[in-house]
Amino acid sequence: MHCDLLSDIIFNTNMKDDFINHIKPLMPNVDYCSFRFVNKYTNIISATRGVVEPVVISEDDGLMVTVYNKGGCGYGATSNLTREGISEAVQTAIKWAEFSENKLTYNPDLSVLKTQSGSYYTDDEENWSKISTKDKADYLMSVNKSLKSQPTISNWGASIRYNKLETLFIDSNNSHVRQKISYLLPQMVVSAEYKKEIQTRTYGGHAHARQVGYDFIDNINMVEHAKSLAEESVELSRAPNCPDKVTNAVIAPDQMILQIHESIGHPLELDRILGDERNYAGSSFVTPEMFGNYKYGSDILNVTFNPTLETELATYNFDDDGTNASKEYLIKNGILMRPIGGLFSSQRIDLDYVACSRACNWNRPPIDRMGNINLEPGTDSFDEIISSIDEGILLETNNSWSIDDKRNKFQFGCEKGTLIKNGKLSSIVKNPSYRGVTESFWSNLSKVGNTDTNNILGTSNCGKGEPNQTIFVGHSTPVCLFKDIDVFGGV
């Protein structure tokens, strides 16, 4: 082994001791220092309109150095994983720490940092690499054939995206954390045209991202789903527009995740509440004084930060600052309990923290991010919810969203609406949308579906931060019923 080339041994579990022996001497003598090594791999296979597209493969790795010293903080990042490259990154971090001495917004209490040791690995029963690219492409071609099962289909396509993010975290407290998160994102889109009206159906609004093995593709049977989506797109293209009215709205999980994401997840991010994100991603209507007493929604609203739910997209045992992860209530029985703030940022206003300090790659520092933000199931079955409604609408699959920079006033569009009359699902309507205000919307939550209605979903493209960080976020949610919702249709 060439001792100056470290990239080959960083993620080799069998060479763990060799790696520690090579890296530890490079850590500077400062108040606190951490090394976070990251390897990121992406593979995307797509077929559109019956043609296999060029296969996308990308991989990179590198190191983020964090230094706290004498009241200053600095970062250094490098993709040069030699002794020289790592040493240069360390010196960069030290220089920034010196520059920022006594200039920080707050000085974190480093004494609360604990020595962490552990690991986390996605349980992928059938590994992505065991299936040939040709077999995956052939499967997507068969999905394409099913999507084009109707003569009025004007556009169609399918893809499978595989991502792997492997990290190794060590620090001057002798922490050692190794994690490997891999996930699949299967996607399908199909559009039908009728009298110059085009309607599109997607596979859950591109929200079926999970930490699973390739066997998940077989389990969900994309070919059969493709036929159903094609039929629904044709039906929607001929359907009337959604009526305009204030009514009962039953929101399906593949739309609920967007509702949770935009009107609970983002406004509860602590750095946003404290103004750090105001310049780019906006602020929040939530203030620090609200925690512990503010009535965010009805008594049946229970929302958790839960990085422990198996197969969910942002499940992990430690965040990127080495904080041990656990399930915590953000909202309990409608009361706002704690923000989405990491161990460091929570010290700014003395609030409880969650393990949410996350980075998208080696060249970005961790910031407060959503992990798995879940709405806990209730007690009502889907049939019980529908049968309780004299008049209303079932809303499925997000296709558009808009929310103000304080995450309060919003307007969301869905792909499919189904009218509810006299306790039964009735006719299909197209272009259903609804609007509301976060501060009052969640108070209208009147029924929460049971575990049978629950769905584990996620999004892989949540953006935030300067420079931007696109990260994966999980949402698990049941079907929910909201009273007195302003629903409207297209033109």
Protein backbone atom coordinates (compact mmCIF):
# COMPACT_ATOMS: atom_id res chain seq x y z
CA MET A 1 0.00 0.00 0.00
CA HIS A 2 1.32 3.46 -0.93
CA CYS A 3 1.01 5.38 2.33
CA ASP A 4 0.55 8.79 0.63
CA LEU A 5 -2.61 7.72 -1.23
CA LEU A 6 -5.44 7.57 1.31
CA SER A 7 -8.57 7.63 -0.88
CA ASP A 8 -8.45 3.86 -1.45
CA ILE A 9 -8.57 3.01 2.26
CA ILE A 10 -11.01 5.59 3.64
CA PHE A 11 -14.12 3.49 3.07
CA ASN A 12 -12.51 0.09 3.34
CA THR A 13 -13.77 -1.32 6.63
CA ASN A 14 -11.00 -3.93 6.73
CA MET A 15 -8.36 -1.19 6.69
CA LYS A 16 -9.94 0.96 9.41
CA ASP A 17 -6.90 0.87 11.72
CA ASP A 18 -4.55 1.75 8.87
CA PHE A 19 -6.67 4.75 8.02
CA ILE A 20 -6.84 6.05 11.60
CA ASN A 21 -3.08 5.67 11.97
CA HIS A 22 -2.51 7.74 8.83
CA ILE A 23 -5.09 10.45 9.50
CA LYS A 24 -4.95 11.15 13.23
CA PRO A 25 -1.53 12.87 13.10
CA LEU A 26 -2.98 15.39 10.61
CA MET A 27 -5.51 16.72 13.13
CA PRO A 28 -4.40 20.11 14.46
CA ASN A 29 -4.04 21.05 18.11
CA VAL A 30 -7.16 23.21 18.41
CA ASP A 31 -10.18 23.41 20.70
CA TYR A 32 -12.09 21.06 18.38
CA CYS A 33 -11.63 19.55 14.93
CA SER A 34 -13.59 17.09 12.83
CA PHE A 35 -12.90 15.32 9.53
CA ARG A 36 -15.88 14.25 7.42
CA PHE A 37 -15.00 12.11 4.39
CA VAL A 38 -17.70 11.63 1.76
CA ASN A 39 -18.03 9.40 -1.27
CA LYS A 40 -21.06 10.12 -3.47
CA TYR A 41 -22.20 7.92 -6.34
CA THR A 42 -25.14 8.40 -8.70
CA ASN A 43 -26.46 6.16 -11.47
CA ILE A 44 -29.54 7.11 -13.53
CA ILE A 45 -31.08 4.90 -16.21
CA SER A 46 -33.96 6.31 -18.25
CA ALA A 47 -36.16 5.43 -21.21
CA THR A 48 -38.33 8.09 -22.84
CA ARG A 49 -40.88 7.52 -25.61
CA GLY A 50 -39.50 4.03 -26.16
CA VAL A 51 -35.84 5.09 -26.43
CA VAL A 52 -33.15 4.36 -23.84
CA GLU A 53 -31.35 7.58 -22.93
CA PRO A 54 -27.62 7.89 -22.21
CA VAL A 55 -26.82 6.32 -18.86
CA VAL A 56 -25.71 8.81 -16.21
CA ILE A 57 -22.91 7.77 -13.85
CA SER A 58 -21.15 10.19 -11.54
CA GLU A 59 -18.89 9.70 -8.54
CA ASP A 60 -16.72 11.94 -6.43
CA ASP A 61 -15.17 11.95 -2.99
CA GLY A 62 -13.53 14.43 -0.71
CA LEU A 63 -13.07 15.80 2.79
CA MET A 64 -14.58 18.58 4.89
CA VAL A 65 -12.47 19.85 7.80
CA THR A 66 -14.18 21.79 10.60
CA VAL A 67 -12.16 23.72 13.18
CA TYR A 68 -13.34 25.55 16.30
CA ASN A 69 -10.57 27.42 18.10
CA LYS A 70 -10.23 30.46 20.39
CA GLY A 71 -13.73 31.75 19.62
CA GLY A 72 -13.46 31.25 15.86
CA CYS A 73 -14.76 28.72 13.34
CA GLY A 74 -13.36 27.67 9.99
CA TYR A 75 -13.89 25.14 7.21
CA GLY A 76 -11.57 23.62 4.66
CA ALA A 77 -12.57 21.20 1.90
CA THR A 78 -10.59 19.18 -0.63
CA SER A 79 -10.89 16.37 -3.12
CA ASN A 80 -7.14 15.79 -2.91
CA LEU A 81 -7.10 12.91 -0.44
CA THR A 82 -3.35 12.72 -0.03
CA ARG A 83 -1.47 13.81 3.07
CA GLU A 84 -0.60 17.06 1.33
CA GLY A 85 -4.18 17.72 0.25
CA ILE A 86 -5.64 17.02 3.68
CA SER A 87 -2.97 19.13 5.39
CA GLU A 88 -3.77 22.03 3.08
CA ALA A 89 -7.50 21.74 3.93
CA VAL A 90 -6.61 21.75 7.64
CA GLN A 91 -4.57 24.93 7.23
CA THR A 92 -7.42 26.58 5.33
CA ALA A 93 -9.83 25.77 8.16
CA ILE A 94 -7.38 27.11 10.74
CA LYS A 95 -6.94 30.37 8.81
CA TRP A 96 -10.70 30.92 8.64
CA ALA A 97 -11.01 30.14 12.35
CA GLU A 98 -8.35 32.76 13.06
CA PHE A 99 -10.08 35.28 10.80
CA SER A 100 -13.44 34.74 12.54
CA GLU A 101 -12.15 34.98 16.12
CA ASN A 102 -14.67 36.95 18.22
CA LYS A 103 -16.77 37.58 15.11
CA LEU A 104 -19.16 34.61 15.37
CA THR A 105 -22.88 35.13 15.92
CA TYR A 106 -22.51 32.82 18.90
CA ASN A 107 -19.77 30.75 20.51
CA PRO A 108 -20.88 27.11 20.81
CA ASP A 109 -20.34 25.21 24.03
CA LEU A 110 -17.87 22.55 22.90
CA SER A 111 -17.98 20.82 26.28
CA VAL A 112 -21.34 19.24 25.39
CA LEU A 113 -19.81 17.31 22.50
CA LYS A 114 -19.60 13.60 23.21
CA THR A 115 -17.39 10.86 21.84
CA GLN A 116 -19.53 9.04 19.28
CA SER A 117 -18.86 5.61 17.84
CA GLY A 118 -21.11 3.62 15.58
CA SER A 119 -22.31 2.92 12.07
CA TYR A 120 -25.35 2.77 9.84
CA TYR A 121 -25.87 0.91 6.58
CA THR A 122 -28.91 0.79 4.34
CA ASP A 123 -30.36 -2.71 4.31
CA ASP A 124 -30.55 -3.27 0.54
CA GLU A 125 -31.57 -6.89 0.15
CA GLU A 126 -30.82 -7.00 -3.57
CA ASN A 127 -27.94 -4.67 -4.33
CA TRP A 128 -28.08 -2.28 -7.29
CA SER A 129 -24.76 -3.46 -8.68
CA LYS A 130 -25.92 -7.07 -8.97
CA ILE A 131 -28.36 -6.21 -11.77
CA SER A 132 -26.86 -5.41 -15.16
CA THR A 133 -27.46 -2.07 -16.84
CA LYS A 134 -28.97 -3.91 -19.81
CA ASP A 135 -31.52 -5.68 -17.59
CA LYS A 136 -32.51 -2.38 -16.00
CA ALA A 137 -32.83 -0.69 -19.39
CA ASP A 138 -34.87 -3.59 -20.77
CA TYR A 139 -37.20 -3.35 -17.80
CA LEU A 140 -37.72 0.37 -18.35
CA MET A 141 -38.49 -0.32 -22.00
CA SER A 142 -41.25 -2.70 -20.91
CA VAL A 143 -42.56 0.02 -18.59
CA ASN A 144 -42.54 2.42 -21.56
CA LYS A 145 -44.63 -0.04 -23.53
CA SER A 146 -47.22 -0.12 -20.76
CA LEU A 147 -47.24 3.67 -20.50
CA LYS A 148 -48.03 3.91 -24.22
CA SER A 149 -50.98 1.54 -23.81
CA GLN A 150 -53.56 4.14 -24.93
CA PRO A 151 -53.71 5.76 -28.39
CA THR A 152 -54.08 9.32 -27.04
CA ILE A 153 -50.90 9.14 -24.96
CA SER A 154 -48.69 11.99 -26.21
CA ASN A 155 -45.67 11.69 -23.96
CA TRP A 156 -44.27 9.01 -21.64
CA GLY A 157 -41.11 7.93 -19.88
CA ALA A 158 -39.63 6.05 -16.93
CA SER A 159 -36.38 6.08 -15.01
CA ILE A 160 -34.65 4.58 -11.99
CA ARG A 161 -32.16 6.63 -10.03
CA TYR A 162 -29.71 5.07 -7.59
CA ASN A 163 -27.78 7.19 -5.11
CA LYS A 164 -25.16 6.14 -2.58
CA LEU A 165 -23.71 8.48 0.04
CA GLU A 166 -20.96 6.98 2.18
CA THR A 167 -19.44 9.01 5.02
CA LEU A 168 -16.74 8.61 7.64
CA PHE A 169 -16.67 11.06 10.54
CA ILE A 170 -13.83 11.37 13.06
CA ASP A 171 -13.01 14.18 15.46
CA SER A 172 -10.62 15.31 18.16
CA ASN A 173 -12.90 13.68 20.78
CA ASN A 174 -11.98 10.27 19.30
CA SER A 175 -15.36 9.87 17.61
CA HIS A 176 -15.59 7.36 14.78
CA VAL A 177 -18.82 7.11 12.77
CA ARG A 178 -19.22 5.24 9.49
CA GLN A 179 -22.48 5.40 7.51
CA LYS A 180 -23.64 4.34 4.06
CA ILE A 181 -27.03 5.47 2.79
CA SER A 182 -28.26 4.20 -0.55
CA TYR A 183 -31.66 4.77 -2.07
CA LEU A 184 -33.76 4.21 -5.17
CA LEU A 185 -36.04 6.69 -6.91
CA PRO A 186 -38.29 5.03 -9.52
CA GLN A 187 -40.11 7.53 -11.73
CA MET A 188 -42.86 7.33 -14.34
CA VAL A 189 -44.61 10.09 -16.25
CA VAL A 190 -47.37 9.83 -18.84
CA SER A 191 -49.42 12.53 -20.60
CA ALA A 192 -52.63 12.18 -22.60
CA GLU A 193 -54.10 14.73 -25.01
CA TYR A 194 -57.77 15.34 -25.83
CA LYS A 195 -58.99 18.38 -27.80
CA LYS A 196 -55.66 20.14 -27.17
CA GLU A 197 -56.02 19.49 -23.42
CA ILE A 198 -53.04 17.65 -21.92
CA GLN A 199 -53.19 15.92 -18.56
CA THR A 200 -50.25 14.23 -16.85
CA ARG A 201 -49.97 11.48 -14.26
CA THR A 202 -46.76 10.63 -12.45
CA TYR A 203 -45.79 7.85 -10.09
CA GLY A 204 -46.59 9.58 -6.81
CA GLY A 205 -45.28 12.93 -8.01
CA HIS A 206 -41.75 11.47 -8.10
CA ALA A 207 -41.98 10.82 -4.36
CA HIS A 208 -41.33 7.09 -4.07
CA ALA A 209 -37.72 7.48 -2.98
CA ARG A 210 -36.74 4.92 -0.35
CA GLN A 211 -33.69 3.29 1.23
CA VAL A 212 -34.31 -0.08 -0.38
CA GLY A 213 -32.63 -2.65 -2.60
CA TYR A 214 -33.37 -3.29 -6.25
CA ASP A 215 -35.99 -5.88 -5.26
CA PHE A 216 -38.20 -2.85 -4.46
CA ILE A 217 -38.60 -2.36 -8.21
CA ASP A 218 -40.04 -5.85 -8.54
CA ASN A 219 -42.27 -5.38 -5.50
CA ILE A 220 -43.95 -2.21 -6.77
CA ASN A 221 -44.50 -3.69 -10.26
CA MET A 222 -43.88 -0.59 -12.36
CA VAL A 223 -45.32 -2.27 -15.47
CA GLU A 224 -48.79 -2.67 -13.91
CA HIS A 225 -48.63 0.80 -12.33
CA ALA A 226 -47.78 2.20 -15.77
CA LYS A 227 -51.01 0.84 -17.25
CA SER A 228 -53.07 2.42 -14.46
CA LEU A 229 -51.32 5.77 -14.82
CA ALA A 230 -51.93 5.75 -18.58
CA GLU A 231 -55.63 5.04 -18.09
CA GLU A 232 -55.92 7.79 -15.49
CA SER A 233 -54.20 10.36 -17.71
CA VAL A 234 -56.65 9.60 -20.53
CA GLU A 235 -59.60 9.81 -18.14
CA LEU A 236 -58.35 13.12 -16.73
CA SER A 237 -57.89 14.62 -20.21
CA ARG A 238 -61.64 14.15 -20.82
CA ALA A 239 -62.77 15.10 -17.31
CA PRO A 240 -64.34 18.42 -16.29
CA ASN A 241 -62.39 21.00 -14.33
CA CYS A 242 -62.47 20.89 -10.56
CA PRO A 243 -65.30 23.09 -9.21
CA ASP A 244 -64.54 26.16 -7.09
CA LYS A 245 -65.84 25.79 -3.55
CA VAL A 246 -64.98 25.71 0.15
CA THR A 247 -65.31 22.05 1.03
CA ASN A 248 -63.94 19.00 2.82
CA ALA A 249 -60.59 17.91 1.40
CA VAL A 250 -59.15 14.41 1.81
CA ILE A 251 -55.47 14.71 0.99
CA ALA A 252 -53.62 11.56 -0.12
CA PRO A 253 -50.07 10.80 1.13
CA ASP A 254 -48.40 11.76 -2.16
CA GLN A 255 -49.77 15.30 -1.73
CA MET A 256 -49.55 15.36 2.06
CA ILE A 257 -45.76 15.05 1.88
CA LEU A 258 -45.58 18.38 0.05
CA GLN A 259 -47.96 19.96 2.56
CA ILE A 260 -45.82 18.72 5.46
CA HIS A 261 -42.58 19.67 3.73
CA GLU A 262 -43.53 23.26 2.91
CA SER A 263 -45.79 24.30 5.79
CA ILE A 264 -44.23 22.36 8.70
CA GLY A 265 -40.73 21.25 7.74
CA HIS A 266 -39.30 24.47 6.32
CA PRO A 267 -40.89 26.91 8.78
CA LEU A 268 -39.53 24.88 11.72
CA GLU A 269 -35.89 24.98 10.54
CA LEU A 270 -34.10 26.89 13.26
CA ASP A 271 -31.59 28.71 11.06
CA ARG A 272 -34.51 30.01 9.00
CA ILE A 273 -36.33 31.13 12.18
CA LEU A 274 -33.19 32.98 13.33
CA GLY A 275 -32.85 34.74 9.98
CA ASP A 276 -29.87 32.89 8.48
CA GLU A 277 -31.77 31.82 5.34
CA ARG A 278 -33.77 35.00 4.83
CA ASN A 279 -31.59 36.28 1.99
CA TYR A 280 -32.04 33.17 -0.15
CA ALA A 281 -34.69 30.69 0.95
CA GLY A 282 -36.82 32.98 3.12
CA SER A 283 -37.61 33.15 6.81
CA SER A 284 -40.52 31.79 8.87
CA PHE A 285 -43.69 32.97 10.56
CA VAL A 286 -42.54 30.92 13.57
CA THR A 287 -40.72 32.80 16.35
CA PRO A 288 -38.62 31.34 19.20
CA GLU A 289 -41.27 32.33 21.76
CA MET A 290 -43.81 29.96 20.18
CA PHE A 291 -42.06 26.75 21.24
CA GLY A 292 -43.80 24.95 24.08
CA ASN A 293 -47.09 26.84 23.83
CA TYR A 294 -48.12 27.68 20.25
CA LYS A 295 -51.15 25.79 18.91
CA TYR A 296 -49.87 24.79 15.46
CA GLY A 297 -52.90 22.65 14.59
CA SER A 298 -55.76 20.57 15.93
CA ASP A 299 -55.32 18.15 18.83
CA ILE A 300 -54.79 15.21 16.45
CA LEU A 301 -51.76 16.78 14.76
CA ASN A 302 -48.61 14.90 15.78
CA VAL A 303 -45.42 15.43 13.79
CA THR A 304 -42.06 13.82 14.52
CA PHE A 305 -38.47 14.17 13.46
CA ASN A 306 -37.74 10.47 13.05
CA PRO A 307 -34.41 9.29 11.60
CA THR A 308 -35.10 5.75 12.86
CA LEU A 309 -37.92 4.54 10.56
CA GLU A 310 -36.69 1.63 8.47
CA THR A 311 -36.38 2.25 4.69
CA GLU A 312 -37.32 5.94 4.92
CA LEU A 313 -35.16 8.22 2.83
CA ALA A 314 -33.38 10.18 5.59
CA THR A 315 -32.94 7.38 8.11
CA TYR A 316 -29.52 7.39 9.79
CA ASN A 317 -27.89 6.93 13.21
CA PHE A 318 -25.83 10.14 13.28
CA ASP A 319 -26.05 13.50 11.58
CA ASP A 320 -23.06 15.10 9.80
CA ASP A 321 -21.81 16.78 12.98
CA GLY A 322 -21.69 13.40 14.71
CA THR A 323 -24.85 13.90 16.82
CA ASN A 324 -26.65 10.70 17.78
CA ALA A 325 -30.07 10.54 16.09
CA SER A 326 -33.36 9.79 17.81
CA LYS A 327 -37.09 10.21 17.27
CA GLU A 328 -38.42 13.47 18.73
CA TYR A 329 -41.78 15.26 18.59
CA LEU A 330 -41.83 18.57 16.75
CA ILE A 331 -45.57 18.98 17.26
CA LYS A 332 -47.49 16.98 19.88
CA ASN A 333 -51.27 17.07 20.22
CA GLY A 334 -51.19 20.23 18.13
CA ILE A 335 -48.63 22.06 20.33
CA LEU A 336 -45.31 23.22 18.85
CA MET A 337 -42.58 21.47 20.87
CA ARG A 338 -39.15 22.00 19.28
CA PRO A 339 -37.52 23.31 16.10
CA ILE A 340 -35.53 21.47 13.47
CA GLY A 341 -32.23 22.70 14.87
CA GLY A 342 -28.95 20.85 15.35
CA LEU A 343 -26.81 20.58 18.48
CA PHE A 344 -24.78 23.69 17.65
CA SER A 345 -27.53 25.99 16.37
CA SER A 346 -29.96 25.12 19.18
CA GLN A 347 -27.50 26.64 21.68
CA ARG A 348 -28.22 30.06 20.22
CA ILE A 349 -31.62 30.22 21.91
CA ASP A 350 -31.38 27.36 24.42
CA LEU A 351 -33.92 25.04 22.78
CA ASP A 352 -34.02 21.26 22.47
CA TYR A 353 -32.16 19.95 19.42
CA VAL A 354 -32.55 17.14 16.92
CA ALA A 355 -29.86 15.39 14.85
CA CYS A 356 -30.53 17.48 11.74
CA SER A 357 -27.13 18.98 10.94
CA ARG A 358 -26.70 17.70 7.39
CA ALA A 359 -24.61 18.41 4.31
CA CYS A 360 -25.16 17.34 0.70
CA ASN A 361 -21.51 16.49 0.03
CA TRP A 362 -17.89 16.90 1.14
CA ASN A 363 -17.64 20.47 -0.16
CA ARG A 364 -20.52 21.84 1.93
CA PRO A 365 -20.71 22.41 5.71
CA PRO A 366 -23.64 20.89 7.64
CA ILE A 367 -26.63 23.18 8.25
CA ASP A 368 -30.09 22.71 9.79
CA ARG A 369 -32.02 20.46 7.41
CA MET A 370 -35.10 18.33 7.49
CA GLY A 371 -34.50 14.62 7.96
CA ASN A 372 -37.55 12.36 8.14
CA ILE A 373 -40.43 14.67 9.05
CA ASN A 374 -43.45 12.43 9.63
CA LEU A 375 -47.10 12.93 10.45
CA GLU A 376 -47.98 10.17 12.90
CA PRO A 377 -50.94 7.92 11.96
CA GLY A 378 -54.33 8.26 13.63
CA THR A 379 -57.21 5.82 14.04
CA ASP A 380 -59.52 6.19 11.03
CA SER A 381 -59.54 3.87 8.02
CA PHE A 382 -59.78 5.28 4.51
CA ASP A 383 -63.36 4.00 4.15
CA GLU A 384 -64.34 5.56 7.48
CA ILE A 385 -62.95 8.91 6.40
CA ILE A 386 -64.72 8.87 3.03
CA SER A 387 -68.03 7.66 4.49
CA SER A 388 -68.02 10.54 6.99
CA ILE A 389 -68.17 13.14 4.19
CA ASP A 390 -71.40 14.36 2.61
CA GLU A 391 -69.57 16.49 0.08
CA GLY A 392 -65.87 16.91 -0.58
CA ILE A 393 -62.91 15.98 -2.76
CA LEU A 394 -59.98 13.56 -2.67
CA LEU A 395 -56.75 15.24 -3.79
CA GLU A 396 -53.86 13.16 -5.12
CA THR A 397 -50.28 13.79 -6.32
CA ASN A 398 -48.69 17.20 -6.30
CA ASN A 399 -47.88 18.96 -9.56
CA SER A 400 -47.31 22.56 -8.48
CA TRP A 401 -46.60 24.56 -5.34
CA SER A 402 -46.25 28.13 -4.22
CA ILE A 403 -45.68 29.47 -0.71
CA ASP A 404 -44.57 32.85 0.58
CA ASP A 405 -41.14 33.52 2.06
CA LYS A 406 -42.45 33.15 5.61
CA ARG A 407 -43.94 29.72 4.80
CA ASN A 408 -47.43 30.89 5.65
CA LYS A 409 -49.70 31.61 2.66
CA PHE A 410 -49.67 28.77 0.12
CA GLN A 411 -51.31 27.44 -3.02
CA PHE A 412 -50.85 23.86 -4.23
CA GLY A 413 -52.01 22.10 -7.38
CA CYS A 414 -52.68 18.38 -7.74
CA GLU A 415 -52.80 15.98 -10.67
CA LYS A 416 -56.07 14.28 -9.80
CA GLY A 417 -59.26 15.06 -7.92
CA THR A 418 -62.11 12.70 -7.09
CA LEU A 419 -65.38 14.21 -5.91
CA ILE A 420 -66.97 12.75 -2.78
CA LYS A 421 -70.76 12.69 -2.49
CA ASN A 422 -72.90 11.12 0.23
CA GLY A 423 -69.98 9.22 1.72
CA LYS A 424 -68.77 7.70 -1.57
CA LEU A 425 -66.11 8.46 -4.17
CA SER A 426 -67.78 9.88 -7.27
CA SER A 427 -66.48 11.39 -10.53
CA ILE A 428 -62.96 12.45 -11.53
CA VAL A 429 -62.05 16.12 -12.03
CA LYS A 430 -58.91 17.67 -13.49
CA ASN A 431 -56.70 20.58 -12.42
CA PRO A 432 -57.67 20.53 -8.73
CA SER A 433 -55.91 23.11 -6.56
CA TYR A 434 -56.31 24.43 -3.04
CA ARG A 435 -55.05 27.38 -1.03
CA GLY A 436 -54.68 28.25 2.61
CA VAL A 437 -52.67 29.83 5.41
CA THR A 438 -50.40 27.64 7.51
CA GLU A 439 -51.41 29.35 10.74
CA SER A 440 -55.05 28.31 10.26
CA PHE A 441 -54.84 25.36 7.84
CA TRP A 442 -53.64 22.74 10.33
CA SER A 443 -56.39 23.71 12.77
CA ASN A 444 -58.83 22.35 10.18
CA LEU A 445 -57.32 18.85 10.43
CA SER A 446 -60.31 16.73 11.54
CA LYS A 447 -59.33 13.12 10.82
CA VAL A 448 -55.99 11.34 10.48
CA GLY A 449 -55.82 7.99 8.72
CA ASN A 450 -54.59 4.83 10.45
CA THR A 451 -51.44 2.87 9.67
CA ASP A 452 -53.17 1.10 6.76
CA THR A 453 -53.40 4.46 4.97
CA ASN A 454 -49.81 5.42 5.81
CA ASN A 455 -47.18 5.67 3.09
CA ILE A 456 -43.40 6.11 3.37
CA LEU A 457 -42.28 8.56 0.70
CA GLY A 458 -39.53 11.10 0.12
CA THR A 459 -38.00 13.75 -2.07
CA SER A 460 -34.41 13.82 -3.27
CA ASN A 461 -34.20 17.47 -4.30
CA CYS A 462 -34.84 19.77 -1.33
CA GLY A 463 -32.76 22.89 -1.88
CA LYS A 464 -31.44 25.35 0.69
CA GLY A 465 -28.29 27.20 1.73
CA GLU A 466 -25.72 29.50 0.15
CA PRO A 467 -23.99 27.97 -1.72
CA ASN A 468 -26.95 25.75 -2.51
CA GLN A 469 -27.26 22.27 -1.06
CA THR A 470 -29.71 19.79 -2.59
CA ILE A 471 -30.49 17.04 -0.14
CA PHE A 472 -32.82 14.06 0.31
CA VAL A 473 -35.70 14.24 2.80
CA GLY A 474 -38.20 11.61 3.95
CA HIS A 475 -41.88 12.02 4.77
CA SER A 476 -44.16 9.32 6.13
CA THR A 477 -47.83 10.25 6.32
CA PRO A 478 -51.35 8.80 6.29
CA VAL A 479 -54.40 10.13 4.47
CA CYS A 480 -55.81 13.23 6.20
CA LEU A 481 -59.17 15.05 6.19
CA PHE A 482 -59.34 18.83 6.42
CA LYS A 483 -62.54 20.85 6.89
CA ASP A 484 -63.44 24.11 5.10
CA ILE A 485 -60.66 24.14 2.50
CA ASP A 486 -60.70 26.61 -0.40
CA VAL A 487 -60.57 24.31 -3.45
CA PHE A 488 -60.57 25.59 -7.04
CA GLY A 489 -60.01 24.37 -10.59
CA GLY A 490 -58.20 25.42 -13.73
CA VAL A 491 -59.49 27.40 -16.69
